[in-house]
PDB file of N, CA and C in Angstrom:
ATOM      1  N   MET A   1      -9.431   9.203  -4.187  1.00  0.00           N
ATOM      2  CA  MET A   1      -8.501   9.639  -5.004  1.00  0.00           C
ATOM      3  C   MET A   1      -7.784  11.052  -4.791  1.00  0.00           C
ATOM      4  N   ILE A   2      -6.265  11.115  -4.667  1.00  0.00           N
ATOM      5  CA  ILE A   2      -5.886  12.255  -4.477  1.00  0.00           C
ATOM      6  C   ILE A   2      -5.173  12.948  -5.588  1.00  0.00           C
ATOM      7  N   GLY A   3      -5.595  14.110  -5.819  1.00  0.00           N
ATOM      8  CA  GLY A   3      -5.186  15.038  -6.973  1.00  0.00           C
ATOM      9  C   GLY A   3      -5.233  14.484  -8.379  1.00  0.00           C
ATOM     10  N   VAL A   4      -6.389  13.831  -8.601  1.00  0.00           N
ATOM     11  CA  VAL A   4      -6.601  13.193 -10.059  1.00  0.00           C
ATOM     12  C   VAL A   4      -7.601  14.362 -10.385  1.00  0.00           C
ATOM     13  N   ASP A   5      -8.668  15.141 -10.016  1.00  0.00           N
ATOM     14  CA  ASP A   5      -9.390  16.004 -10.549  1.00  0.00           C
ATOM     15  C   ASP A   5      -9.842  17.040  -9.617  1.00  0.00           C
ATOM     16  N   SER A   6      -9.060  18.276  -9.808  1.00  0.00           N
ATOM     17  CA  SER A   6      -9.843  19.291  -8.449  1.00  0.00           C
ATOM     18  C   SER A   6     -11.011  19.941  -8.973  1.00  0.00           C
ATOM     19  N   GLU A   7     -11.768  19.575  -9.998  1.00  0.00           N
ATOM     20  CA  GLU A   7     -12.844  19.936 -10.265  1.00  0.00           C
ATOM     21  C   GLU A   7     -13.930  19.311  -9.823  1.00  0.00           C
ATOM     22  N   SER A   8     -13.835  18.080  -9.525  1.00  0.00           N
ATOM     23  CA  SER A   8     -14.736  17.099  -8.826  1.00  0.00           C
ATOM     24  C   SER A   8     -14.985  17.330  -7.413  1.00  0.00           C
ATOM     25  N   ALA A   9     -16.472  17.010  -7.194  1.00  0.00           N
ATOM     26  CA  ALA A   9     -16.798  17.076  -5.689  1.00  0.00           C
ATOM     27  C   ALA A   9     -16.664  15.599  -5.258  1.00  0.00           C
ATOM     28  N   TYR A  10     -16.658  15.375  -4.028  1.00  0.00           N
ATOM     29  CA  TYR A  10     -16.400  13.963  -3.413  1.00  0.00           C
ATOM     30  C   TYR A  10     -17.108  14.026  -1.793  1.00  0.00           C
ATOM     31  N   GLU A  11     -17.922  12.964  -1.706  1.00  0.00           N
ATOM     32  CA  GLU A  11     -18.379  12.908  -0.613  1.00  0.00           C
ATOM     33  C   GLU A  11     -17.345  12.584   0.536  1.00  0.00           C
ATOM     34  N   VAL A  12     -17.806  13.229   1.822  1.00  0.00           N
ATOM     35  CA  VAL A  12     -16.760  13.304   2.854  1.00  0.00           C
ATOM     36  C   VAL A  12     -17.292  12.329   3.998  1.00  0.00           C
ATOM     37  N   HIS A  13     -16.490  11.273   4.547  1.00  0.00           N
ATOM     38  CA  HIS A  13     -16.959  10.329   5.663  1.00  0.00           C
ATOM     39  C   HIS A  13     -15.741  10.498   6.678  1.00  0.00           C
ATOM     40  N   ARG A  14     -16.344  10.230   7.776  1.00  0.00           N
ATOM     41  CA  ARG A  14     -15.449  10.466   9.109  1.00  0.00           C
ATOM     42  C   ARG A  14     -15.382   8.834   9.631  1.00  0.00           C
ATOM     43  N   SER A  15     -14.242   8.346  10.125  1.00  0.00           N
ATOM     44  CA  SER A  15     -13.920   7.287  10.892  1.00  0.00           C
ATOM     45  C   SER A  15     -13.215   7.293  12.071  1.00  0.00           C
ATOM     46  N   THR A  16     -13.360   6.757  13.230  1.00  0.00           N
ATOM     47  CA  THR A  16     -12.352   6.925  14.095  1.00  0.00           C
ATOM     48  C   THR A  16     -11.777   5.366  14.199  1.00  0.00           C
ATOM     49  N   ILE A  17     -10.339   5.501  14.284  1.00  0.00           N
ATOM     50  CA  ILE A  17      -9.222   4.611  14.245  1.00  0.00           C
ATOM     51  C   ILE A  17      -8.893   4.432  15.702  1.00  0.00           C
ATOM     52  N   PRO A  18      -9.123   3.388  16.327  1.00  0.00           N
ATOM     53  CA  PRO A  18      -8.990   2.804  17.539  1.00  0.00           C
ATOM     54  C   PRO A  18      -7.456   2.929  17.960  1.00  0.00           C
ATOM     55  N   ALA A  19      -7.176   3.172  19.455  1.00  0.00           N
ATOM     56  CA  ALA A  19      -5.442   3.116  19.562  1.00  0.00           C
ATOM     57  C   ALA A  19      -4.789   1.978  19.174  1.00  0.00           C
ATOM     58  N   GLY A  20      -3.646   1.634  18.705  1.00  0.00           N
ATOM     59  CA  GLY A  20      -2.909   0.857  18.335  1.00  0.00           C
ATOM     60  C   GLY A  20      -3.235   0.304  17.059  1.00  0.00           C
ATOM     61  N   HIS A  21      -4.117   1.025  16.319  1.00  0.00           N
ATOM     62  CA  HIS A  21      -4.377   0.529  14.875  1.00  0.00           C
ATOM     63  C   HIS A  21      -3.619   1.487  13.889  1.00  0.00           C
ATOM     64  N   SER A  22      -3.555   0.996  12.885  1.00  0.00           N
ATOM     65  CA  SER A  22      -2.814   1.787  11.922  1.00  0.00           C
ATOM     66  C   SER A  22      -3.661   2.000  10.567  1.00  0.00           C
ATOM     67  N   LEU A  23      -3.606   3.110   9.839  1.00  0.00           N
ATOM     68  CA  LEU A  23      -4.189   3.531   8.371  1.00  0.00           C
ATOM     69  C   LEU A  23      -3.002   3.633   7.594  1.00  0.00           C
ATOM     70  N   HIS A  24      -3.310   2.877   6.379  1.00  0.00           N
ATOM     71  CA  HIS A  24      -2.411   2.448   5.324  1.00  0.00           C
ATOM     72  C   HIS A  24      -2.827   3.754   4.244  1.00  0.00           C
ATOM     73  N   LEU A  25      -2.088   4.307   3.651  1.00  0.00           N
ATOM     74  CA  LEU A  25      -2.311   5.528   2.599  1.00  0.00           C
ATOM     75  C   LEU A  25      -1.178   4.774   1.458  1.00  0.00           C
ATOM     76  N   PHE A  26      -1.927   4.423   0.327  1.00  0.00           N
ATOM     77  CA  PHE A  26      -0.964   4.259  -0.833  1.00  0.00           C
ATOM     78  C   PHE A  26      -1.385   4.383  -2.223  1.00  0.00           C
ATOM     79  N   SER A  27      -0.552   4.188  -2.959  1.00  0.00           N
ATOM     80  CA  SER A  27      -0.959   4.842  -4.454  1.00  0.00           C
ATOM     81  C   SER A  27      -0.773   3.396  -5.264  1.00  0.00           C
ATOM     82  N   ASP A  28      -1.647   3.402  -6.239  1.00  0.00           N
ATOM     83  CA  ASP A  28      -1.705   2.106  -7.023  1.00  0.00           C
ATOM     84  C   ASP A  28      -0.491   1.155  -7.498  1.00  0.00           C
ATOM     85  N   GLY A  29       0.595   2.066  -7.581  1.00  0.00           N
ATOM     86  CA  GLY A  29       1.714   1.814  -7.721  1.00  0.00           C
ATOM     87  C   GLY A  29       2.469   0.485  -6.751  1.00  0.00           C
ATOM     88  N   VAL A  30       1.796   0.390  -5.750  1.00  0.00           N
ATOM     89  CA  VAL A  30       2.186  -0.228  -4.600  1.00  0.00           C
ATOM     90  C   VAL A  30       1.722  -1.517  -4.741  1.00  0.00           C
ATOM     91  N   PHE A  31       0.681  -1.717  -5.431  1.00  0.00           N
ATOM     92  CA  PHE A  31       0.206  -3.289  -5.637  1.00  0.00           C
ATOM     93  C   PHE A  31       0.034  -3.570  -7.470  1.00  0.00           C
ATOM     94  N   GLU A  32      -0.005  -2.603  -8.300  1.00  0.00           N
ATOM     95  CA  GLU A  32       0.059  -2.953  -9.585  1.00  0.00           C
ATOM     96  C   GLU A  32       1.260  -2.983 -10.179  1.00  0.00           C
ATOM     97  N   ILE A  33       1.822  -3.966  -9.799  1.00  0.00           N
ATOM     98  CA  ILE A  33       3.697  -4.374  -9.951  1.00  0.00           C
ATOM     99  C   ILE A  33       3.239  -5.396 -11.160  1.00  0.00           C
ATOM    100  N   VAL A  34       4.492  -5.496 -11.993  1.00  0.00           N
ATOM    101  CA  VAL A  34       4.805  -6.734 -12.765  1.00  0.00           C
ATOM    102  C   VAL A  34       5.425  -7.802 -11.909  1.00  0.00           C
ATOM    103  N   THR A  35       4.574  -8.801 -11.690  1.00  0.00           N
ATOM    104  CA  THR A  35       5.406  -9.945 -11.239  1.00  0.00           C
ATOM    105  C   THR A  35       6.374 -10.771 -11.501  1.00  0.00           C
ATOM    106  N   ALA A  36       7.017 -11.440 -10.767  1.00  0.00           N
ATOM    107  CA  ALA A  36       8.340 -12.359 -11.394  1.00  0.00           C
ATOM    108  C   ALA A  36       8.041 -12.866 -12.560  1.00  0.00           C
ATOM    109  N   ASP A  37       6.679 -13.800 -12.417  1.00  0.00           N
ATOM    110  CA  ASP A  37       6.208 -14.313 -13.618  1.00  0.00           C
ATOM    111  C   ASP A  37       5.423 -13.635 -14.550  1.00  0.00           C
ATOM    112  N   GLY A  38       5.733 -12.114 -14.843  1.00  0.00           N
ATOM    113  CA  GLY A  38       5.055 -11.578 -15.877  1.00  0.00           C
ATOM    114  C   GLY A  38       3.668 -11.308 -15.739  1.00  0.00           C
ATOM    115  N   GLY A  39       2.906 -11.386 -14.682  1.00  0.00           N
ATOM    116  CA  GLY A  39       1.594 -11.229 -14.360  1.00  0.00           C
ATOM    117  C   GLY A  39       1.512  -9.992 -13.689  1.00  0.00           C
ATOM    118  N   ARG A  40       0.544  -9.573 -13.495  1.00  0.00           N
ATOM    119  CA  ARG A  40       0.398  -8.182 -12.758  1.00  0.00           C
ATOM    120  C   ARG A  40      -0.592  -8.082 -11.683  1.00  0.00           C
ATOM    121  N   GLY A  41      -0.065  -7.412 -10.741  1.00  0.00           N
ATOM    122  CA  GLY A  41      -0.624  -7.679  -9.283  1.00  0.00           C
ATOM    123  C   GLY A  41      -2.142  -6.762  -9.157  1.00  0.00           C
ATOM    124  N   THR A  42      -2.913  -7.214  -8.414  1.00  0.00           N
ATOM    125  CA  THR A  42      -4.238  -6.356  -8.283  1.00  0.00           C
ATOM    126  C   THR A  42      -4.298  -6.031  -6.753  1.00  0.00           C
ATOM    127  N   LEU A  43      -5.179  -5.074  -6.526  1.00  0.00           N
ATOM    128  CA  LEU A  43      -5.519  -4.660  -5.043  1.00  0.00           C
ATOM    129  C   LEU A  43      -5.989  -5.826  -4.288  1.00  0.00           C
ATOM    130  N   THR A  44      -6.732  -6.766  -4.813  1.00  0.00           N
ATOM    131  CA  THR A  44      -6.944  -8.060  -4.418  1.00  0.00           C
ATOM    132  C   THR A  44      -6.000  -8.946  -3.748  1.00  0.00           C
ATOM    133  N   ASP A  45      -4.850  -9.105  -4.597  1.00  0.00           N
ATOM    134  CA  ASP A  45      -3.799  -9.622  -4.229  1.00  0.00           C
ATOM    135  C   ASP A  45      -2.660  -9.143  -2.915  1.00  0.00           C
ATOM    136  N   PHE A  46      -3.136  -7.719  -2.979  1.00  0.00           N
ATOM    137  CA  PHE A  46      -2.441  -6.637  -2.097  1.00  0.00           C
ATOM    138  C   PHE A  46      -2.924  -6.899  -0.524  1.00  0.00           C
ATOM    139  N   LEU A  47      -4.431  -6.926  -0.536  1.00  0.00           N
ATOM    140  CA  LEU A  47      -5.095  -6.751   0.470  1.00  0.00           C
ATOM    141  C   LEU A  47      -4.642  -7.663   1.686  1.00  0.00           C
ATOM    142  N   PRO A  48      -4.336  -8.934   1.489  1.00  0.00           N
ATOM    143  CA  PRO A  48      -4.071 -10.114   2.397  1.00  0.00           C
ATOM    144  C   PRO A  48      -2.567  -9.580   3.362  1.00  0.00           C
ATOM    145  N   LEU A  49      -1.518  -9.106   2.335  1.00  0.00           N
ATOM    146  CA  LEU A  49      -0.195  -8.577   2.943  1.00  0.00           C
ATOM    147  C   LEU A  49      -0.576  -7.651   3.584  1.00  0.00           C
ATOM    148  N   LEU A  50      -1.624  -6.534   3.789  1.00  0.00           N
ATOM    149  CA  LEU A  50      -1.994  -5.728   4.953  1.00  0.00           C
ATOM    150  C   LEU A  50      -2.489  -6.303   6.261  1.00  0.00           C
ATOM    151  N   MET A  51      -3.068  -7.520   6.179  1.00  0.00           N
ATOM    152  CA  MET A  51      -3.535  -8.147   7.335  1.00  0.00           C
ATOM    153  C   MET A  51      -2.553  -8.976   7.986  1.00  0.00           C
ATOM    154  N   GLN A  52      -1.180  -9.061   7.426  1.00  0.00           N
ATOM    155  CA  GLN A  52      -0.229  -9.921   8.045  1.00  0.00           C
ATOM    156  C   GLN A  52       0.379  -9.119   9.408  1.00  0.00           C
ATOM    157  N   PRO A  53       0.930  -9.740  10.248  1.00  0.00           N
ATOM    158  CA  PRO A  53       1.039  -9.177  11.515  1.00  0.00           C
ATOM    159  C   PRO A  53       2.519  -8.283  11.142  1.00  0.00           C
ATOM    160  N   ALA A  54       2.785  -7.414  12.164  1.00  0.00           N
ATOM    161  CA  ALA A  54       4.006  -6.431  12.061  1.00  0.00           C
ATOM    162  C   ALA A  54       5.106  -7.515  12.096  1.00  0.00           C
ATOM    163  N   ASN A  55       6.638  -7.419  11.662  1.00  0.00           N
ATOM    164  CA  ASN A  55       7.671  -7.943  12.057  1.00  0.00           C
ATOM    165  C   ASN A  55       8.766  -6.845  12.443  1.00  0.00           C
ATOM    166  N   PRO A  56       8.726  -6.592  13.670  1.00  0.00           N
ATOM    167  CA  PRO A  56       9.511  -6.037  14.489  1.00  0.00           C
ATOM    168  C   PRO A  56      10.865  -6.636  14.311  1.00  0.00           C
ATOM    169  N   PRO A  57      11.843  -6.014  14.419  1.00  0.00           N
ATOM    170  CA  PRO A  57      12.306  -4.253  14.252  1.00  0.00           C
ATOM    171  C   PRO A  57      11.886  -3.598  12.972  1.00  0.00           C
ATOM    172  N   THR A  58      11.508  -4.454  12.112  1.00  0.00           N
ATOM    173  CA  THR A  58      11.035  -3.926  10.653  1.00  0.00           C
ATOM    174  C   THR A  58       9.896  -3.078  10.697  1.00  0.00           C
ATOM    175  N   THR A  59      10.310  -1.598  10.040  1.00  0.00           N
ATOM    176  CA  THR A  59       8.842  -1.007  10.182  1.00  0.00           C
ATOM    177  C   THR A  59       7.674  -1.509   9.114  1.00  0.00           C
ATOM    178  N   GLU A  60       6.656  -0.894   9.240  1.00  0.00           N
ATOM    179  CA  GLU A  60       5.472  -1.473   8.634  1.00  0.00           C
ATOM    180  C   GLU A  60       5.804  -1.307   7.025  1.00  0.00           C
ATOM    181  N   PRO A  61       6.188   0.192   6.542  1.00  0.00           N
ATOM    182  CA  PRO A  61       6.431   0.232   5.256  1.00  0.00           C
ATOM    183  C   PRO A  61       7.720  -0.449   4.915  1.00  0.00           C
ATOM    184  N   GLU A  62       8.473  -0.786   5.762  1.00  0.00           N
ATOM    185  CA  GLU A  62       9.779  -1.368   5.067  1.00  0.00           C
ATOM    186  C   GLU A  62       9.141  -3.090   4.653  1.00  0.00           C
ATOM    187  N   ARG A  63       8.439  -3.387   5.634  1.00  0.00           N
ATOM    188  CA  ARG A  63       7.803  -4.720   5.671  1.00  0.00           C
ATOM    189  C   ARG A  63       7.009  -4.926   4.101  1.00  0.00           C
ATOM    190  N   ILE A  64       6.195  -4.159   3.944  1.00  0.00           N
ATOM    191  CA  ILE A  64       5.628  -4.140   2.921  1.00  0.00           C
ATOM    192  C   ILE A  64       6.342  -3.767   1.691  1.00  0.00           C
ATOM    193  N   TYR A  65       6.947  -2.878   1.636  1.00  0.00           N
ATOM    194  CA  TYR A  65       8.057  -2.609   0.551  1.00  0.00           C
ATOM    195  C   TYR A  65       8.916  -4.333   0.043  1.00  0.00           C
ATOM    196  N   GLN A  66       9.627  -4.639   1.355  1.00  0.00           N
ATOM    197  CA  GLN A  66      10.099  -6.050   1.163  1.00  0.00           C
ATOM    198  C   GLN A  66       9.253  -7.006   0.571  1.00  0.00           C
ATOM    199  N   SER A  67       7.719  -7.215   0.894  1.00  0.00           N
ATOM    200  CA  SER A  67       7.224  -8.068   0.528  1.00  0.00           C
ATOM    201  C   SER A  67       6.764  -8.079  -1.055  1.00  0.00           C
ATOM    202  N   ILE A  68       6.568  -6.816  -1.479  1.00  0.00           N
ATOM    203  CA  ILE A  68       5.865  -6.468  -2.889  1.00  0.00           C
ATOM    204  C   ILE A  68       7.583  -6.741  -3.599  1.00  0.00           C
ATOM    205  N   ARG A  69       8.577  -5.967  -2.973  1.00  0.00           N
ATOM    206  CA  ARG A  69       9.793  -6.249  -4.179  1.00  0.00           C
ATOM    207  C   ARG A  69      10.110  -7.753  -4.159  1.00  0.00           C
ATOM    208  N   ALA A  70       9.791  -8.779  -3.232  1.00  0.00           N
ATOM    209  CA  ALA A  70      10.026  -9.966  -3.594  1.00  0.00           C
ATOM    210  C   ALA A  70       9.267 -10.505  -4.674  1.00  0.00           C
ATOM    211  N   MET A  71       7.926 -10.093  -4.887  1.00  0.00           N
ATOM    212  CA  MET A  71       6.731 -10.651  -5.257  1.00  0.00           C
ATOM    213  C   MET A  71       7.048 -10.026  -6.757  1.00  0.00           C
ATOM    214  N   ALA A  72       7.764  -8.893  -7.266  1.00  0.00           N
ATOM    215  CA  ALA A  72       8.054  -8.050  -8.419  1.00  0.00           C
ATOM    216  C   ALA A  72       9.153  -8.654  -9.177  1.00  0.00           C
ATOM    217  N   ARG A  73       8.889  -8.322 -10.579  1.00  0.00           N
ATOM    218  CA  ARG A  73      10.101  -8.656 -11.437  1.00  0.00           C
ATOM    219  C   ARG A  73      11.353  -7.854 -11.015  1.00  0.00           C
ATOM    220  N   SER A  74      12.671  -8.118 -11.238  1.00  0.00           N
ATOM    221  CA  SER A  74      13.566  -7.551 -11.019  1.00  0.00           C
ATOM    222  C   SER A  74      13.630  -6.231 -11.882  1.00  0.00           C
ATOM    223  N   GLY A  75      14.554  -5.149 -11.070  1.00  0.00           N
ATOM    224  CA  GLY A  75      14.648  -4.070 -11.667  1.00  0.00           C
ATOM    225  C   GLY A  75      13.562  -2.603 -11.152  1.00  0.00           C
ATOM    226  N   PRO A  76      13.698  -1.672 -11.675  1.00  0.00           N
ATOM    227  CA  PRO A  76      12.716  -0.925 -10.849  1.00  0.00           C
ATOM    228  C   PRO A  76      11.363  -0.935 -11.167  1.00  0.00           C
ATOM    229  N   PHE A  77      10.394  -0.161 -10.269  1.00  0.00           N
ATOM    230  CA  PHE A  77       8.894  -0.473 -10.375  1.00  0.00           C
ATOM    231  C   PHE A  77       8.445   0.544 -11.957  1.00  0.00           C
ATOM    232  N   ASP A  78       7.417  -0.057 -12.520  1.00  0.00           N
ATOM    233  CA  ASP A  78       7.154   0.761 -13.808  1.00  0.00           C
ATOM    234  C   ASP A  78       6.199   1.983 -12.833  1.00  0.00           C
ATOM    235  N   ASP A  79       5.730   1.944 -12.025  1.00  0.00           N
ATOM    236  CA  ASP A  79       5.037   3.379 -11.491  1.00  0.00           C
ATOM    237  C   ASP A  79       5.558   3.531  -9.978  1.00  0.00           C
ATOM    238  N   ASP A  80       5.269   4.629  -9.516  1.00  0.00           N
ATOM    239  CA  ASP A  80       5.846   5.189  -8.246  1.00  0.00           C
ATOM    240  C   ASP A  80       5.228   4.063  -6.971  1.00  0.00           C
ATOM    241  N   PHE A  81       5.894   4.104  -6.220  1.00  0.00           N
ATOM    242  CA  PHE A  81       5.584   3.202  -4.780  1.00  0.00           C
ATOM    243  C   PHE A  81       5.244   4.122  -3.839  1.00  0.00           C
ATOM    244  N   SER A  82       4.153   4.781  -3.449  1.00  0.00           N
ATOM    245  CA  SER A  82       3.887   5.860  -2.472  1.00  0.00           C
ATOM    246  C   SER A  82       3.196   5.158  -1.400  1.00  0.00           C
ATOM    247  N   LEU A  83       3.766   5.139  -0.170  1.00  0.00           N
ATOM    248  CA  LEU A  83       2.901   4.289   0.942  1.00  0.00           C
ATOM    249  C   LEU A  83       3.495   5.134   2.437  1.00  0.00           C
ATOM    250  N   LEU A  84       2.201   5.477   2.996  1.00  0.00           N
ATOM    251  CA  LEU A  84       2.179   5.863   4.184  1.00  0.00           C
ATOM    252  C   LEU A  84       1.569   5.353   5.313  1.00  0.00           C
ATOM    253  N   VAL A  85       2.027   5.135   6.459  1.00  0.00           N
ATOM    254  CA  VAL A  85       1.477   4.143   7.701  1.00  0.00           C
ATOM    255  C   VAL A  85       1.473   5.401   8.850  1.00  0.00           C
ATOM    256  N   LEU A  86       0.250   5.420   8.979  1.00  0.00           N
ATOM    257  CA  LEU A  86      -0.242   6.106  10.450  1.00  0.00           C
ATOM    258  C   LEU A  86      -0.442   5.120  11.337  1.00  0.00           C
ATOM    259  N   THR A  87       0.388   4.995  12.544  1.00  0.00           N
ATOM    260  CA  THR A  87      -0.149   4.339  13.835  1.00  0.00           C
ATOM    261  C   THR A  87      -0.597   5.351  14.619  1.00  0.00           C
ATOM    262  N   PHE A  88      -1.789   4.879  15.298  1.00  0.00           N
ATOM    263  CA  PHE A  88      -2.381   5.692  16.258  1.00  0.00           C
ATOM    264  C   PHE A  88      -2.235   5.271  17.488  1.00  0.00           C
ATOM    265  N   PRO A  89      -1.572   5.986  18.502  1.00  0.00           N
ATOM    266  CA  PRO A  89      -1.280   5.699  20.066  1.00  0.00           C
ATOM    267  C   PRO A  89      -2.276   5.480  20.922  1.00  0.00           C
TER     268      PRO A  89
END
């Protein structure tokens, strides 16, 4: 969690990300959407979207945004939509 509690201590872990793979960093507002049918999106609902293949020439953040926008009710999102995708050469 980023920026939640500056007084807390967190464990540190390291991972190697292989060449050609991506790291997705996102806020809960990316998946906690109100859906077109009035439901609420969850992380479990969102994870399969991350596993879908790229759709060139659309960028990865744009692909994800457009997919979430299509599932969400019309109008602005209720929460922030923060998404960063880092692709390693």
